[in-house]
């Protein structure tokens, strides 16, 4: 076989593979919308068997958090956490304690996140005890137009506790970036891995 034929065959094969991979990626991306986008307000996910006052107080903490973010107020943001609270970002940065959380957000609000806001949809609230609640939401930070419910790129878990002064504060925060194409691929490859709400 002459070299030109081999070279052309290799180039053609490479192009076919590249086009196939690109087409597959775009298919996965186009079919990866979440089915459960969450409730518009935090109050909608307060459990029926919970003390409504506590549920509203948990929601008020998250409202105060979003308001502090919108105003670029790192001190007010930090006050929503317990003194020893932890904060794990979607890129894997892990902050320990209110002072660490406040200092990092002071820098973020002056830099990357300046003039940004938070968009949220609420998935679930559970009270593990009368003094511990877990809230899960979808969210994103943005500037300009608020993203739609199906465009929120992060899933966030808040663990809140009734603090010593009886206020509800965040003891642990964990934020995960949704990898929509990888998630869709895994659901197609192994359908039983899809959460019930996404089937």
Protein backbone atom coordinates (compact mmCIF):
# COMPACT_ATOMS: atom_id res chain seq x y z
CA UNK A 1 0.00 0.00 0.00
CA UNK A 2 1.45 3.35 -0.86
CA UNK A 3 2.02 6.04 1.75
CA UNK A 4 -0.47 8.52 0.25
CA UNK A 5 -3.32 6.03 0.59
CA UNK A 6 -2.37 5.23 4.19
CA UNK A 7 -2.09 8.94 5.04
CA UNK A 8 -5.50 9.67 3.47
CA UNK A 9 -7.07 6.74 5.32
CA UNK A 10 -5.65 7.98 8.63
CA UNK A 11 -6.87 11.55 7.98
CA UNK A 12 -10.33 10.31 6.92
CA UNK A 13 -10.57 8.05 9.99
CA UNK A 14 -9.52 10.90 12.26
CA UNK A 15 -12.12 13.22 10.74
CA UNK A 16 -14.88 10.61 11.08
CA UNK A 17 -13.94 10.01 14.73
CA UNK A 18 -13.77 13.76 15.45
CA UNK A 19 -17.16 14.37 13.81
CA UNK A 20 -18.66 11.43 15.68
CA UNK A 21 -17.31 12.65 19.01
CA UNK A 22 -18.49 16.20 18.33
CA UNK A 23 -21.94 14.97 17.31
CA UNK A 24 -22.16 12.78 20.40
CA UNK A 25 -21.16 15.67 22.67
CA UNK A 26 -23.78 17.97 21.15
CA UNK A 27 -26.44 15.25 21.42
CA UNK A 28 -25.63 14.66 25.09
CA UNK A 29 -25.60 18.40 25.78
CA UNK A 30 -28.92 18.96 24.00
CA UNK A 31 -30.65 16.15 25.91
CA UNK A 32 -29.26 16.84 29.38
CA UNK A 33 -31.88 19.16 30.87
CA UNK A 34 -32.82 18.40 34.46
CA UNK A 35 -36.39 17.26 35.07
CA UNK A 36 -36.60 18.55 38.64
CA UNK A 37 -35.64 22.20 38.66
CA UNK A 38 -36.93 22.86 42.18
CA UNK A 39 -39.34 25.26 43.83
CA UNK A 40 -39.17 28.97 43.20
CA UNK A 41 -39.25 29.90 46.89
CA UNK A 42 -37.66 28.33 49.93
CA UNK A 43 -40.97 28.33 51.78
CA UNK A 44 -42.39 25.82 49.29
CA UNK A 45 -40.02 23.10 50.51
CA UNK A 46 -40.67 23.44 54.25
CA UNK A 47 -41.76 19.94 55.29
CA UNK A 48 -45.40 19.56 56.31
CA UNK A 49 -44.40 17.99 59.63
CA UNK A 50 -41.87 20.71 60.51
CA UNK A 51 -42.37 23.68 62.79
CA UNK A 52 -43.25 26.41 60.26
CA UNK A 53 -41.42 29.03 62.34
CA UNK A 54 -38.18 27.06 62.09
CA UNK A 55 -38.68 26.47 58.38
CA UNK A 56 -39.24 30.19 57.81
CA UNK A 57 -36.18 31.00 59.94
CA UNK A 58 -34.03 28.66 57.80
CA UNK A 59 -35.36 30.38 54.68
CA UNK A 60 -34.68 33.80 56.22
CA UNK A 61 -31.02 32.80 56.71
CA UNK A 62 -30.72 31.89 53.03
CA UNK A 63 -32.48 35.12 52.04
CA UNK A 64 -30.01 37.10 54.17
CA UNK A 65 -27.14 35.20 52.53
CA UNK A 66 -28.38 36.11 49.02
CA UNK A 67 -28.98 39.73 50.05
CA UNK A 68 -25.45 40.03 51.48
CA UNK A 69 -24.05 38.56 48.23
CA UNK A 70 -26.04 40.99 46.09
CA UNK A 71 -24.72 43.92 48.13
CA UNK A 72 -21.15 42.62 48.14
CA UNK A 73 -21.21 42.63 51.95
CA UNK A 74 -18.76 39.95 53.08
CA UNK A 75 -19.32 40.68 56.78
CA UNK A 76 -23.09 40.18 56.49
CA UNK A 77 -22.44 37.09 54.38
CA UNK A 78 -20.10 35.63 57.00
CA UNK A 79 -22.61 36.31 59.80
CA UNK A 80 -24.93 33.70 58.26
CA UNK A 81 -22.40 30.99 59.21
CA UNK A 82 -21.59 29.52 62.59
CA UNK A 83 -18.27 30.54 64.12
CA UNK A 84 -16.77 27.19 63.11
CA UNK A 85 -18.74 26.76 59.87
CA UNK A 86 -17.19 25.18 56.79
CA UNK A 87 -17.55 26.21 53.16
CA UNK A 88 -16.57 23.98 50.22
CA UNK A 89 -16.74 25.47 46.73
CA UNK A 90 -17.39 23.66 43.46
CA UNK A 91 -13.72 24.00 42.54
CA UNK A 92 -12.72 22.25 45.75
CA UNK A 93 -11.60 25.18 47.92
CA UNK A 94 -12.41 24.42 51.56
CA UNK A 95 -12.74 27.23 54.09
CA UNK A 96 -12.92 26.66 57.84
CA UNK A 97 -14.53 29.14 60.18
CA UNK A 98 -16.53 32.33 59.78
CA UNK A 99 -13.40 34.51 59.59
CA UNK A 100 -12.01 32.44 56.68
CA UNK A 101 -15.36 32.47 54.85
CA UNK A 102 -15.72 36.23 55.34
CA UNK A 103 -12.16 37.04 54.22
CA UNK A 104 -12.47 34.95 51.05
CA UNK A 105 -15.78 36.58 50.12
CA UNK A 106 -14.40 40.03 50.81
CA UNK A 107 -11.83 39.33 48.09
CA UNK A 108 -14.35 37.63 45.78
CA UNK A 109 -16.87 40.48 46.02
CA UNK A 110 -14.12 42.92 45.01
CA UNK A 111 -12.88 40.65 42.21
CA UNK A 112 -14.45 37.72 40.35
CA UNK A 113 -17.92 38.14 41.86
CA UNK A 114 -18.17 41.94 41.90
CA UNK A 115 -21.74 43.12 41.20
CA UNK A 116 -23.04 39.55 40.88
CA UNK A 117 -26.23 38.10 42.34
CA UNK A 118 -27.43 34.64 43.31
CA UNK A 119 -30.20 32.72 41.58
CA UNK A 120 -31.71 29.77 43.45
CA UNK A 121 -34.35 27.06 43.17
CA UNK A 122 -35.09 24.87 46.17
CA UNK A 123 -35.13 21.07 46.02
CA UNK A 124 -35.55 19.84 49.56
CA UNK A 125 -35.55 20.80 53.24
CA UNK A 126 -35.30 18.23 56.02
CA UNK A 127 -35.04 18.64 59.77
CA UNK A 128 -32.70 15.97 61.11
CA UNK A 129 -33.43 17.12 64.66
CA UNK A 130 -35.30 20.14 66.02
CA UNK A 131 -31.99 22.05 65.86
CA UNK A 132 -30.45 20.73 62.60
CA UNK A 133 -31.79 21.24 59.07
CA UNK A 134 -30.44 20.25 55.65
CA UNK A 135 -31.49 22.23 52.60
CA UNK A 136 -30.58 21.36 49.02
CA UNK A 137 -30.91 23.82 46.15
CA UNK A 138 -29.91 24.49 42.59
CA UNK A 139 -28.19 27.79 41.98
CA UNK A 140 -25.80 30.02 40.12
CA UNK A 141 -24.19 33.40 40.47
CA UNK A 142 -24.83 35.82 37.63
CA UNK A 143 -24.59 39.37 36.35
CA UNK A 144 -27.07 40.73 33.83
CA UNK A 145 -30.19 38.67 33.17
CA UNK A 146 -31.13 36.08 35.76
CA UNK A 147 -30.64 32.53 34.45
CA UNK A 148 -33.68 30.33 33.94
CA UNK A 149 -34.51 27.50 36.31
CA UNK A 150 -33.06 24.94 33.88
CA UNK A 151 -29.81 26.91 33.51
CA UNK A 152 -28.69 26.77 37.15
CA UNK A 153 -25.32 25.05 37.04
CA UNK A 154 -24.66 24.17 40.67
CA UNK A 155 -26.24 21.97 43.31
CA UNK A 156 -25.74 23.22 46.84
CA UNK A 157 -26.22 21.57 50.23
CA UNK A 158 -26.61 23.70 53.35
CA UNK A 159 -26.50 22.19 56.82
CA UNK A 160 -28.01 24.69 59.24
CA UNK A 161 -28.13 24.61 63.03
CA UNK A 162 -29.90 26.57 65.69
CA UNK A 163 -26.97 28.52 67.11
CA UNK A 164 -26.39 29.40 70.76
CA UNK A 165 -28.33 32.68 70.33
CA UNK A 166 -31.23 30.65 68.76
CA UNK A 167 -30.62 32.08 65.27
CA UNK A 168 -30.37 29.56 62.42
CA UNK A 169 -26.90 29.62 60.87
CA UNK A 170 -25.07 27.60 58.27
CA UNK A 171 -22.70 25.06 59.82
CA UNK A 172 -21.62 23.49 56.53
CA UNK A 173 -21.97 24.50 52.90
CA UNK A 174 -21.06 22.33 49.93
CA UNK A 175 -21.36 23.42 46.31
CA UNK A 176 -21.08 21.07 43.31
CA UNK A 177 -20.85 22.08 39.65
CA UNK A 178 -23.25 20.03 37.53
CA UNK A 179 -21.46 18.35 34.63
CA UNK A 180 -24.49 17.99 32.37
CA UNK A 181 -22.85 16.02 29.54
CA UNK A 182 -21.15 13.55 31.89
CA UNK A 183 -24.36 13.16 33.89
CA UNK A 184 -26.38 12.47 30.72
CA UNK A 185 -23.76 9.99 29.49
CA UNK A 186 -23.83 8.11 32.79
CA UNK A 187 -27.65 7.94 32.74
CA UNK A 188 -27.59 6.52 29.20
CA UNK A 189 -24.76 4.09 29.96
CA UNK A 190 -26.21 2.93 33.27
CA UNK A 191 -29.88 4.02 33.46
CA UNK A 192 -30.27 2.84 37.06
CA UNK A 193 -27.83 5.57 38.18
CA UNK A 194 -30.39 8.29 37.37
CA UNK A 195 -32.17 9.75 40.40
CA UNK A 196 -35.89 8.95 40.53
CA UNK A 197 -36.74 12.60 39.78
CA UNK A 198 -34.64 12.50 36.59
CA UNK A 199 -36.13 9.30 35.08
